[in-house]
C-alpha cells in the first residue's frame, strides 16, 4: 500500500491552536452558533472546548482544548459518505457537506475521529465547521478566531511563510495533532506558549 501524501493546494488553510492560552471563555462557541444559526443544545456545535482535569507535577489543573473539524487531508468522513454529500475542495482542502445531498445516515459522524460533526434536525442534514468559508471569501478570518480573547485560535494559509500559522509552527518547540495514529493528516495543529509570535 502506498504511503499517503498530502495534496498540493492553492491555499493550504490551517488552524493553529495555542492550547494553553485557551481560558474556556466560550466566545468561540457563541460566535460560531450565532454566525451559523446552530440550533440550541450541547450536542449541536461546529466548534467546542473540551475541559480535561489532569495532574501535572503533582498538581491538579484544568486543561482546555478547542475542538473543530480538522479539515483532514485524508478525511474518513468523505470516504464513507454514500451520496458524496461530504467532499473536500481541491483548491484549499476545506471539507464541506452539501445539505440537500445528505440523507442523514450519520455514517460520516461515526467515521470522524474528532467528533466534529452533528446532525442538524432543522436542516435535515449533517453540519460541521467550514472554517467560515463565506467569511474567508470576503477576506475575513473565521468567527471563532476573531472572537478568541486569549489568542488561542490562529488561522491562515500554510503556503504563505508570513502567515501567523506558518510563523507559529516554525517557532514552536514542538507541535502536535489530535489522533495522528488515525492517518487523517489533519490541518488543525496544537502548540504551547513556548512559541511567541507577534
N, C-alpha and C. Protein backbone atom coordinates (compact mmCIF):
# COMPACT_ATOMS: atom_id res chain seq x y z
N UNK A 1 0.84 -1.18 0.00
CA UNK A 1 0.00 0.00 0.00
C UNK A 1 0.89 1.25 0.00
N UNK A 2 0.59 2.21 -0.86
CA UNK A 2 1.40 3.43 -0.96
C UNK A 2 1.16 4.32 0.25
N UNK A 3 2.20 5.03 0.65
CA UNK A 3 2.06 5.98 1.74
C UNK A 3 1.22 7.17 1.28
N UNK A 4 0.44 7.71 2.21
CA UNK A 4 -0.40 8.87 1.88
C UNK A 4 0.48 10.11 1.79
N UNK A 5 0.29 10.89 0.75
CA UNK A 5 1.00 12.16 0.60
C UNK A 5 -0.01 13.29 0.63
N UNK A 6 0.30 14.31 1.41
CA UNK A 6 -0.61 15.46 1.46
C UNK A 6 -0.73 16.08 0.07
N UNK A 7 -1.95 16.40 -0.34
CA UNK A 7 -2.12 17.01 -1.67
C UNK A 7 -1.62 18.45 -1.70
N UNK A 8 -1.19 18.88 -2.87
CA UNK A 8 -0.81 20.28 -3.07
C UNK A 8 -2.10 21.08 -3.28
N UNK A 9 -2.18 22.25 -2.65
CA UNK A 9 -3.38 23.08 -2.73
C UNK A 9 -2.99 24.51 -3.04
N UNK A 10 -3.87 25.24 -3.70
CA UNK A 10 -3.63 26.66 -3.96
C UNK A 10 -3.50 27.41 -2.64
N UNK A 11 -4.42 27.14 -1.73
CA UNK A 11 -4.38 27.68 -0.36
C UNK A 11 -4.36 26.48 0.56
N UNK A 12 -3.50 26.52 1.56
CA UNK A 12 -3.39 25.41 2.49
C UNK A 12 -3.85 25.89 3.87
N UNK A 13 -5.16 26.08 3.99
CA UNK A 13 -5.73 26.64 5.21
C UNK A 13 -5.51 25.72 6.41
N UNK A 14 -5.17 26.34 7.53
CA UNK A 14 -4.94 25.58 8.75
C UNK A 14 -5.31 26.43 9.96
N UNK A 15 -5.57 25.74 11.05
CA UNK A 15 -5.79 26.38 12.34
C UNK A 15 -4.65 25.94 13.25
N UNK A 16 -4.02 26.89 13.89
CA UNK A 16 -3.01 26.58 14.90
C UNK A 16 -3.55 27.08 16.23
N UNK A 17 -3.69 26.15 17.15
CA UNK A 17 -4.28 26.46 18.46
C UNK A 17 -3.19 26.43 19.51
N UNK A 18 -2.99 27.58 20.15
CA UNK A 18 -2.05 27.66 21.27
C UNK A 18 -2.87 27.21 22.48
N UNK A 19 -2.75 25.92 22.76
CA UNK A 19 -3.66 25.24 23.68
C UNK A 19 -3.69 25.87 25.07
N UNK A 20 -2.55 26.27 25.61
CA UNK A 20 -2.57 26.79 26.97
C UNK A 20 -2.96 28.26 27.06
N UNK A 21 -3.33 28.87 25.95
CA UNK A 21 -3.91 30.22 26.00
C UNK A 21 -5.44 30.17 26.14
N UNK A 22 -6.03 29.00 25.90
CA UNK A 22 -7.49 28.89 25.97
C UNK A 22 -7.94 28.94 27.43
N UNK A 23 -8.87 29.85 27.72
CA UNK A 23 -9.38 30.02 29.09
C UNK A 23 -10.83 29.55 29.21
N UNK A 24 -11.33 28.87 28.19
CA UNK A 24 -12.69 28.33 28.19
C UNK A 24 -13.75 29.41 28.37
N UNK A 25 -13.53 30.55 27.73
CA UNK A 25 -14.49 31.66 27.85
C UNK A 25 -15.75 31.43 27.03
N UNK A 26 -15.69 30.49 26.09
CA UNK A 26 -16.82 30.12 25.22
C UNK A 26 -17.15 31.16 24.15
N UNK A 27 -16.33 32.20 24.00
CA UNK A 27 -16.60 33.21 22.96
C UNK A 27 -16.63 32.57 21.58
N UNK A 28 -15.75 31.59 21.35
CA UNK A 28 -15.71 30.91 20.06
C UNK A 28 -17.00 30.15 19.79
N UNK A 29 -17.49 29.46 20.81
CA UNK A 29 -18.72 28.70 20.66
C UNK A 29 -19.91 29.61 20.39
N UNK A 30 -19.99 30.70 21.13
CA UNK A 30 -21.10 31.65 20.97
C UNK A 30 -21.06 32.28 19.58
N UNK A 31 -19.88 32.72 19.15
CA UNK A 31 -19.74 33.35 17.84
C UNK A 31 -20.12 32.38 16.73
N UNK A 32 -19.69 31.15 16.85
CA UNK A 32 -19.98 30.14 15.84
C UNK A 32 -21.47 29.85 15.77
N UNK A 33 -22.08 29.66 16.94
CA UNK A 33 -23.52 29.36 16.95
C UNK A 33 -24.32 30.51 16.36
N UNK A 34 -23.93 31.72 16.68
CA UNK A 34 -24.64 32.90 16.16
C UNK A 34 -24.43 33.03 14.65
N UNK A 35 -23.20 32.89 14.20
CA UNK A 35 -22.88 33.04 12.78
C UNK A 35 -23.60 32.02 11.92
N UNK A 36 -23.66 30.78 12.39
CA UNK A 36 -24.19 29.68 11.58
C UNK A 36 -25.58 29.23 11.99
N UNK A 37 -26.20 29.96 12.92
CA UNK A 37 -27.55 29.62 13.38
C UNK A 37 -27.63 28.14 13.78
N UNK A 38 -26.64 27.72 14.56
CA UNK A 38 -26.60 26.35 15.06
C UNK A 38 -27.71 26.20 16.11
N UNK A 39 -28.55 25.18 15.98
CA UNK A 39 -29.64 25.01 16.96
C UNK A 39 -29.13 24.87 18.38
N UNK A 40 -29.96 25.27 19.34
CA UNK A 40 -29.61 25.15 20.75
C UNK A 40 -29.36 23.69 21.11
N UNK A 41 -28.57 23.50 22.15
CA UNK A 41 -28.30 22.15 22.65
C UNK A 41 -26.82 21.83 22.58
N UNK A 42 -26.34 21.12 23.62
CA UNK A 42 -24.91 20.81 23.71
C UNK A 42 -24.45 19.86 22.61
N UNK A 43 -25.34 19.08 22.05
CA UNK A 43 -24.94 18.14 21.01
C UNK A 43 -24.85 18.81 19.64
N UNK A 44 -25.29 20.06 19.56
CA UNK A 44 -25.23 20.79 18.30
C UNK A 44 -24.10 21.81 18.36
N UNK A 45 -23.06 21.61 17.55
CA UNK A 45 -21.93 22.53 17.56
C UNK A 45 -21.10 22.33 16.31
N UNK A 46 -20.44 23.39 15.91
CA UNK A 46 -19.41 23.33 14.87
C UNK A 46 -18.03 23.42 15.52
N UNK A 47 -17.98 23.99 16.70
CA UNK A 47 -16.76 24.02 17.49
C UNK A 47 -17.15 23.94 18.95
N UNK A 48 -16.24 23.43 19.75
CA UNK A 48 -16.47 23.33 21.19
C UNK A 48 -15.12 23.33 21.89
N UNK A 49 -15.17 23.49 23.20
CA UNK A 49 -13.96 23.45 24.01
C UNK A 49 -14.11 22.32 25.02
N UNK A 50 -13.19 21.37 24.97
CA UNK A 50 -13.19 20.28 25.95
C UNK A 50 -12.42 20.73 27.19
N UNK A 51 -12.91 20.34 28.35
CA UNK A 51 -12.14 20.60 29.57
C UNK A 51 -11.69 19.26 30.14
N UNK A 52 -10.39 19.18 30.41
CA UNK A 52 -9.78 17.95 30.89
C UNK A 52 -9.10 18.23 32.21
N UNK A 53 -9.48 17.46 33.20
CA UNK A 53 -8.90 17.56 34.53
C UNK A 53 -7.65 16.67 34.54
N UNK A 54 -6.48 17.26 34.80
CA UNK A 54 -5.26 16.45 34.75
C UNK A 54 -4.32 16.81 35.89
N UNK A 55 -3.45 15.86 36.22
CA UNK A 55 -2.45 16.08 37.25
C UNK A 55 -1.09 16.24 36.57
N UNK A 56 -0.42 17.35 36.87
CA UNK A 56 0.89 17.64 36.28
C UNK A 56 1.83 18.06 37.40
N UNK A 57 2.96 17.35 37.52
CA UNK A 57 3.93 17.61 38.60
C UNK A 57 3.27 17.59 39.98
N UNK A 58 2.36 16.66 40.16
CA UNK A 58 1.68 16.51 41.45
C UNK A 58 0.57 17.50 41.71
N UNK A 59 0.32 18.40 40.78
CA UNK A 59 -0.75 19.40 40.95
C UNK A 59 -1.87 19.15 39.97
N UNK A 60 -3.09 19.27 40.47
CA UNK A 60 -4.26 19.10 39.63
C UNK A 60 -4.54 20.41 38.91
N UNK A 61 -4.79 20.32 37.60
CA UNK A 61 -5.12 21.52 36.85
C UNK A 61 -6.12 21.19 35.75
N UNK A 62 -6.83 22.20 35.31
CA UNK A 62 -7.79 22.06 34.24
C UNK A 62 -7.15 22.50 32.94
N UNK A 63 -7.27 21.69 31.91
CA UNK A 63 -6.72 21.98 30.60
C UNK A 63 -7.89 22.12 29.63
N UNK A 64 -7.84 23.14 28.79
CA UNK A 64 -8.91 23.37 27.82
C UNK A 64 -8.38 23.13 26.42
N UNK A 65 -9.15 22.36 25.64
CA UNK A 65 -8.72 22.02 24.29
C UNK A 65 -9.83 22.36 23.29
N UNK A 66 -9.63 23.42 22.50
CA UNK A 66 -10.59 23.74 21.44
C UNK A 66 -10.62 22.64 20.38
N UNK A 67 -11.83 22.26 19.99
CA UNK A 67 -12.03 21.19 19.01
C UNK A 67 -12.91 21.71 17.88
N UNK A 68 -12.58 21.36 16.66
CA UNK A 68 -13.39 21.69 15.50
C UNK A 68 -13.02 20.70 14.40
N UNK A 69 -13.67 20.80 13.26
CA UNK A 69 -13.30 19.94 12.13
C UNK A 69 -11.84 20.17 11.81
N UNK A 70 -11.10 19.10 11.63
CA UNK A 70 -9.67 19.18 11.34
C UNK A 70 -9.37 19.35 9.85
N UNK A 71 -10.42 19.44 9.02
CA UNK A 71 -10.24 19.63 7.56
C UNK A 71 -9.15 18.70 7.06
N UNK A 72 -9.27 17.42 7.39
CA UNK A 72 -8.23 16.43 7.13
C UNK A 72 -7.88 16.31 5.65
N UNK A 73 -6.62 16.05 5.38
CA UNK A 73 -6.19 15.79 4.01
C UNK A 73 -6.56 14.37 3.58
N UNK A 74 -6.82 13.49 4.54
CA UNK A 74 -7.25 12.12 4.27
C UNK A 74 -8.52 11.87 5.09
N UNK A 75 -9.63 12.55 4.73
CA UNK A 75 -10.82 12.56 5.59
C UNK A 75 -11.68 11.30 5.50
N UNK A 76 -11.80 10.56 6.61
CA UNK A 76 -12.64 9.36 6.59
C UNK A 76 -14.11 9.68 6.37
N UNK A 77 -14.55 10.86 6.78
CA UNK A 77 -15.95 11.25 6.60
C UNK A 77 -16.32 11.32 5.13
N UNK A 78 -15.41 11.75 4.29
CA UNK A 78 -15.65 11.85 2.85
C UNK A 78 -15.69 10.46 2.23
N UNK A 79 -14.77 9.61 2.65
CA UNK A 79 -14.69 8.25 2.08
C UNK A 79 -15.95 7.43 2.34
N UNK A 80 -16.58 7.62 3.52
CA UNK A 80 -17.72 6.76 3.87
C UNK A 80 -19.07 7.32 3.42
N UNK A 81 -19.12 8.56 2.95
CA UNK A 81 -20.40 9.16 2.58
C UNK A 81 -20.99 8.45 1.35
N UNK A 82 -22.18 7.85 1.47
CA UNK A 82 -22.73 7.08 0.35
C UNK A 82 -23.27 7.94 -0.79
N UNK A 83 -23.49 9.22 -0.56
CA UNK A 83 -24.08 10.08 -1.60
C UNK A 83 -23.11 11.14 -2.12
N UNK A 84 -21.90 11.17 -1.60
CA UNK A 84 -20.91 12.21 -1.91
C UNK A 84 -21.35 13.59 -1.44
N UNK A 85 -22.24 13.62 -0.45
CA UNK A 85 -22.63 14.91 0.15
C UNK A 85 -21.42 15.53 0.85
N UNK A 86 -20.60 14.70 1.47
CA UNK A 86 -19.36 15.18 2.09
C UNK A 86 -18.26 15.13 1.04
N UNK A 87 -17.56 16.24 0.90
CA UNK A 87 -16.48 16.28 -0.09
C UNK A 87 -15.40 17.26 0.36
N UNK A 88 -14.23 17.14 -0.25
CA UNK A 88 -13.09 18.00 0.08
C UNK A 88 -12.73 18.85 -1.12
N UNK A 89 -12.67 20.15 -0.93
CA UNK A 89 -12.30 21.05 -2.02
C UNK A 89 -10.81 20.90 -2.34
N UNK A 90 -10.49 20.73 -3.61
CA UNK A 90 -9.10 20.56 -4.01
C UNK A 90 -8.31 21.86 -3.89
N UNK A 91 -8.97 22.99 -4.07
CA UNK A 91 -8.26 24.27 -4.09
C UNK A 91 -7.70 24.67 -2.74
N UNK A 92 -8.43 24.35 -1.65
CA UNK A 92 -7.98 24.79 -0.33
C UNK A 92 -8.11 23.73 0.76
N UNK A 93 -8.64 22.57 0.41
CA UNK A 93 -8.70 21.48 1.38
C UNK A 93 -9.83 21.53 2.38
N UNK A 94 -10.75 22.49 2.25
CA UNK A 94 -11.85 22.56 3.20
C UNK A 94 -12.84 21.43 2.91
N UNK A 95 -13.26 20.74 3.96
CA UNK A 95 -14.23 19.66 3.85
C UNK A 95 -15.63 20.25 4.06
N UNK A 96 -16.51 19.98 3.12
CA UNK A 96 -17.86 20.55 3.16
C UNK A 96 -18.92 19.46 3.06
N UNK A 97 -20.16 19.84 3.37
CA UNK A 97 -21.32 18.96 3.23
C UNK A 97 -22.36 19.70 2.38
N UNK A 98 -22.87 19.05 1.35
CA UNK A 98 -23.97 19.59 0.55
C UNK A 98 -25.26 19.12 1.21
N UNK A 99 -25.98 20.00 1.93
CA UNK A 99 -27.13 19.56 2.72
C UNK A 99 -28.20 18.81 1.94
N UNK A 100 -28.52 19.26 0.73
CA UNK A 100 -29.61 18.60 0.01
C UNK A 100 -29.21 17.23 -0.56
N UNK A 101 -27.92 16.88 -0.47
CA UNK A 101 -27.48 15.54 -0.88
C UNK A 101 -27.33 14.61 0.31
N UNK A 102 -27.36 15.17 1.52
CA UNK A 102 -27.19 14.38 2.74
C UNK A 102 -28.49 13.63 3.04
N UNK A 103 -28.40 12.31 3.25
CA UNK A 103 -29.59 11.51 3.56
C UNK A 103 -29.73 11.27 5.07
N UNK A 104 -28.84 11.87 5.85
CA UNK A 104 -28.95 11.76 7.30
C UNK A 104 -28.59 10.41 7.87
N UNK A 105 -27.78 9.65 7.16
CA UNK A 105 -27.40 8.31 7.66
C UNK A 105 -26.42 8.39 8.82
N UNK A 106 -25.74 9.51 8.96
CA UNK A 106 -24.80 9.78 10.05
C UNK A 106 -23.54 8.91 10.01
N UNK A 107 -23.30 8.25 8.89
CA UNK A 107 -22.09 7.43 8.75
C UNK A 107 -20.85 8.29 8.90
N UNK A 108 -20.89 9.50 8.36
CA UNK A 108 -19.74 10.40 8.46
C UNK A 108 -19.46 10.79 9.91
N UNK A 109 -20.52 10.94 10.69
CA UNK A 109 -20.35 11.28 12.11
C UNK A 109 -19.61 10.16 12.84
N UNK A 110 -19.96 8.93 12.51
CA UNK A 110 -19.30 7.78 13.12
C UNK A 110 -17.84 7.68 12.68
N UNK A 111 -17.59 8.05 11.42
CA UNK A 111 -16.23 7.91 10.88
C UNK A 111 -15.27 8.98 11.39
N UNK A 112 -15.80 10.14 11.80
CA UNK A 112 -14.93 11.24 12.22
C UNK A 112 -14.30 10.94 13.58
N UNK A 113 -12.98 10.85 13.65
CA UNK A 113 -12.33 10.54 14.93
C UNK A 113 -12.32 11.73 15.90
N UNK A 114 -12.73 12.91 15.42
CA UNK A 114 -12.67 14.11 16.25
C UNK A 114 -14.04 14.55 16.78
N UNK A 115 -15.07 13.76 16.49
CA UNK A 115 -16.42 14.09 16.95
C UNK A 115 -16.77 15.52 16.55
N UNK A 116 -16.48 15.86 15.29
CA UNK A 116 -16.59 17.24 14.83
C UNK A 116 -17.81 17.50 13.95
N UNK A 117 -18.76 16.58 13.94
CA UNK A 117 -19.98 16.74 13.14
C UNK A 117 -21.20 16.52 14.03
N UNK A 118 -22.29 17.12 13.65
CA UNK A 118 -23.55 16.88 14.36
C UNK A 118 -24.67 16.85 13.34
N UNK A 119 -25.79 16.26 13.74
CA UNK A 119 -26.95 16.20 12.84
C UNK A 119 -27.86 17.37 13.15
N UNK A 120 -28.07 18.22 12.17
CA UNK A 120 -28.92 19.40 12.32
C UNK A 120 -30.35 19.01 11.94
N UNK A 121 -31.19 18.86 12.95
CA UNK A 121 -32.59 18.46 12.72
C UNK A 121 -33.32 19.47 11.84
N UNK A 122 -33.00 20.75 12.01
CA UNK A 122 -33.68 21.79 11.23
C UNK A 122 -33.31 21.71 9.75
N UNK A 123 -32.04 21.39 9.46
CA UNK A 123 -31.61 21.25 8.08
C UNK A 123 -31.93 19.88 7.50
N UNK A 124 -32.08 18.90 8.40
CA UNK A 124 -32.25 17.52 7.95
C UNK A 124 -30.98 16.99 7.33
N UNK A 125 -29.84 17.47 7.85
CA UNK A 125 -28.54 17.10 7.29
C UNK A 125 -27.46 17.24 8.35
N UNK A 126 -26.35 16.58 8.09
CA UNK A 126 -25.18 16.72 8.97
C UNK A 126 -24.55 18.08 8.71
N UNK A 127 -24.04 18.69 9.78
CA UNK A 127 -23.41 20.00 9.68
C UNK A 127 -22.06 19.95 10.38
N UNK A 128 -21.18 20.90 10.02
CA UNK A 128 -19.83 20.90 10.57
C UNK A 128 -19.14 22.22 10.29
N UNK A 129 -17.98 22.42 10.89
CA UNK A 129 -17.17 23.61 10.65
C UNK A 129 -16.69 23.64 9.20
N UNK A 130 -16.70 24.85 8.64
CA UNK A 130 -16.21 25.06 7.27
C UNK A 130 -15.09 26.10 7.25
N UNK A 131 -14.48 26.35 8.41
CA UNK A 131 -13.52 27.45 8.56
C UNK A 131 -14.19 28.77 8.17
N UNK A 132 -15.53 28.82 8.31
CA UNK A 132 -16.31 30.03 7.96
C UNK A 132 -16.02 30.45 6.52
N UNK A 133 -16.20 29.52 5.59
CA UNK A 133 -15.86 29.75 4.19
C UNK A 133 -16.39 31.07 3.61
N UNK A 134 -17.66 31.45 3.85
CA UNK A 134 -18.11 32.74 3.29
C UNK A 134 -17.32 33.93 3.84
N UNK A 135 -16.89 33.85 5.09
CA UNK A 135 -16.06 34.91 5.66
C UNK A 135 -14.69 34.94 4.98
N UNK A 136 -14.10 33.77 4.75
CA UNK A 136 -12.81 33.70 4.06
C UNK A 136 -12.90 34.34 2.68
N UNK A 137 -13.99 34.03 1.98
CA UNK A 137 -14.17 34.58 0.64
C UNK A 137 -14.35 36.09 0.64
N UNK A 138 -14.70 36.64 1.82
CA UNK A 138 -14.82 38.10 1.97
C UNK A 138 -13.58 38.72 2.59
N UNK A 139 -12.53 37.93 2.76
CA UNK A 139 -11.28 38.43 3.33
C UNK A 139 -11.26 38.49 4.84
N UNK A 140 -12.21 37.81 5.50
CA UNK A 140 -12.29 37.80 6.96
C UNK A 140 -11.80 36.47 7.50
N UNK A 141 -11.38 36.45 8.74
CA UNK A 141 -10.99 35.20 9.36
C UNK A 141 -12.22 34.52 9.97
N UNK A 142 -12.13 33.24 10.32
CA UNK A 142 -13.27 32.56 10.93
C UNK A 142 -13.76 33.28 12.18
N UNK A 143 -15.06 33.20 12.43
CA UNK A 143 -15.68 33.90 13.57
C UNK A 143 -15.05 33.48 14.89
N UNK A 144 -14.72 32.20 15.03
CA UNK A 144 -14.14 31.74 16.30
C UNK A 144 -12.76 32.35 16.55
N UNK A 145 -12.01 32.57 15.48
CA UNK A 145 -10.69 33.18 15.60
C UNK A 145 -10.82 34.66 15.95
N UNK A 146 -11.75 35.33 15.28
CA UNK A 146 -11.94 36.77 15.51
C UNK A 146 -12.34 37.06 16.96
N UNK A 147 -13.11 36.15 17.56
CA UNK A 147 -13.61 36.40 18.91
C UNK A 147 -12.75 35.78 20.01
N UNK A 148 -11.67 35.09 19.66
CA UNK A 148 -10.85 34.41 20.67
C UNK A 148 -10.08 35.44 21.48
N UNK A 149 -10.49 35.65 22.72
CA UNK A 149 -9.90 36.72 23.54
C UNK A 149 -8.46 36.43 23.97
N UNK A 150 -8.11 35.16 24.06
CA UNK A 150 -6.77 34.82 24.53
C UNK A 150 -5.75 34.61 23.43
N UNK A 151 -6.18 34.72 22.17
CA UNK A 151 -5.27 34.46 21.06
C UNK A 151 -4.90 32.99 20.93
N UNK A 152 -5.79 32.13 21.41
CA UNK A 152 -5.55 30.70 21.32
C UNK A 152 -5.72 30.20 19.90
N UNK A 153 -6.76 30.69 19.22
CA UNK A 153 -7.06 30.23 17.85
C UNK A 153 -6.40 31.15 16.83
N UNK A 154 -5.69 30.55 15.91
CA UNK A 154 -4.98 31.30 14.86
C UNK A 154 -5.24 30.60 13.53
N UNK A 155 -5.50 31.40 12.51
CA UNK A 155 -5.88 30.85 11.22
C UNK A 155 -5.06 31.47 10.10
N UNK A 156 -4.77 30.68 9.08
CA UNK A 156 -4.06 31.23 7.93
C UNK A 156 -3.73 30.17 6.90
N UNK A 157 -2.92 30.57 5.95
CA UNK A 157 -2.52 29.74 4.82
C UNK A 157 -1.09 29.26 5.04
N UNK A 158 -0.91 27.96 5.19
CA UNK A 158 0.43 27.41 5.39
C UNK A 158 1.33 27.58 4.17
N UNK A 159 0.73 27.85 3.01
CA UNK A 159 1.54 28.11 1.82
C UNK A 159 2.24 29.47 1.89
N UNK A 160 1.74 30.33 2.77
CA UNK A 160 2.31 31.67 2.95
C UNK A 160 3.26 31.64 4.15
N UNK A 161 4.56 31.76 3.94
CA UNK A 161 5.51 31.69 5.06
C UNK A 161 5.36 32.85 6.04
N UNK A 162 4.67 33.92 5.63
CA UNK A 162 4.48 35.06 6.53
C UNK A 162 3.15 35.02 7.28
N UNK A 163 2.36 33.97 7.05
CA UNK A 163 1.08 33.87 7.77
C UNK A 163 1.33 33.54 9.24
N UNK A 164 0.38 33.89 10.08
CA UNK A 164 0.51 33.63 11.52
C UNK A 164 0.66 32.14 11.79
N UNK A 165 -0.04 31.29 11.03
CA UNK A 165 0.06 29.86 11.29
C UNK A 165 1.44 29.31 10.91
N UNK A 166 1.98 29.79 9.80
CA UNK A 166 3.33 29.37 9.40
C UNK A 166 4.36 29.80 10.44
N UNK A 167 4.24 31.04 10.92
CA UNK A 167 5.19 31.55 11.91
C UNK A 167 5.08 30.79 13.23
N UNK A 168 3.85 30.53 13.66
CA UNK A 168 3.66 29.80 14.92
C UNK A 168 4.28 28.41 14.84
N UNK A 169 4.04 27.70 13.76
CA UNK A 169 4.59 26.35 13.64
C UNK A 169 6.11 26.37 13.50
N UNK A 170 6.63 27.35 12.80
CA UNK A 170 8.08 27.45 12.62
C UNK A 170 8.78 27.73 13.94
N UNK A 171 8.18 28.58 14.77
CA UNK A 171 8.83 28.98 16.01
C UNK A 171 8.50 28.09 17.21
N UNK A 172 7.56 27.16 17.02
CA UNK A 172 7.17 26.28 18.13
C UNK A 172 8.29 25.28 18.43
N UNK A 173 8.49 25.02 19.70
CA UNK A 173 9.47 24.00 20.08
C UNK A 173 8.95 22.62 19.70
N UNK A 174 7.65 22.46 19.71
CA UNK A 174 7.02 21.24 19.20
C UNK A 174 5.56 21.54 18.93
N UNK A 175 4.94 20.74 18.10
CA UNK A 175 3.50 20.84 17.86
C UNK A 175 2.95 19.44 17.68
N UNK A 176 1.66 19.32 17.81
CA UNK A 176 1.03 18.02 17.70
C UNK A 176 -0.33 18.16 17.03
N UNK A 177 -0.83 17.04 16.56
CA UNK A 177 -2.18 16.96 16.02
C UNK A 177 -2.93 15.94 16.86
N UNK A 178 -4.23 16.00 16.80
CA UNK A 178 -5.04 15.03 17.55
C UNK A 178 -5.12 13.72 16.77
N UNK A 179 -4.98 12.63 17.48
CA UNK A 179 -5.11 11.28 16.95
C UNK A 179 -4.31 11.04 15.67
N UNK A 180 -3.00 11.27 15.70
CA UNK A 180 -2.18 11.06 14.50
C UNK A 180 -2.21 9.61 14.01
N UNK A 181 -2.46 8.70 14.93
CA UNK A 181 -2.47 7.27 14.57
C UNK A 181 -3.60 6.91 13.60
N UNK A 182 -4.59 7.79 13.47
CA UNK A 182 -5.70 7.50 12.56
C UNK A 182 -5.37 7.81 11.10
N UNK A 183 -4.24 8.45 10.84
CA UNK A 183 -3.81 8.69 9.47
C UNK A 183 -4.69 9.66 8.69
N UNK A 184 -5.33 10.60 9.39
CA UNK A 184 -6.22 11.54 8.72
C UNK A 184 -5.47 12.76 8.16
N UNK A 185 -4.28 13.00 8.61
CA UNK A 185 -3.47 14.16 8.23
C UNK A 185 -4.27 15.45 8.41
N UNK A 186 -4.57 15.77 9.68
CA UNK A 186 -5.38 16.95 9.98
C UNK A 186 -4.66 18.27 9.70
N UNK A 187 -5.44 19.32 9.56
CA UNK A 187 -4.92 20.67 9.34
C UNK A 187 -5.22 21.58 10.53
N UNK A 188 -5.48 20.99 11.67
CA UNK A 188 -5.52 21.70 12.95
C UNK A 188 -4.31 21.24 13.73
N UNK A 189 -3.50 22.21 14.17
CA UNK A 189 -2.27 21.90 14.90
C UNK A 189 -2.34 22.54 16.28
N UNK A 190 -1.72 21.91 17.26
CA UNK A 190 -1.72 22.39 18.63
C UNK A 190 -0.28 22.65 19.07
N UNK A 191 -0.09 23.78 19.73
CA UNK A 191 1.21 24.11 20.29
C UNK A 191 1.01 24.67 21.69
N UNK A 192 2.10 24.93 22.39
CA UNK A 192 2.03 25.54 23.71
C UNK A 192 2.61 26.94 23.64
N UNK A 193 2.57 27.65 24.75
CA UNK A 193 3.03 29.04 24.79
C UNK A 193 4.53 29.19 24.54
N UNK A 194 5.23 28.09 24.34
CA UNK A 194 6.66 28.18 24.07
C UNK A 194 6.93 28.93 22.75
N UNK A 195 5.88 28.99 21.90
CA UNK A 195 6.03 29.74 20.63
C UNK A 195 5.46 31.12 20.82
N UNK A 196 6.27 32.13 20.62
CA UNK A 196 5.80 33.50 20.78
C UNK A 196 5.91 34.21 19.44
N UNK A 197 4.77 34.58 18.90
CA UNK A 197 4.75 35.27 17.63
C UNK A 197 3.92 36.54 17.79
N UNK A 198 4.49 37.67 17.38
CA UNK A 198 3.75 38.94 17.50
C UNK A 198 2.86 39.13 16.30
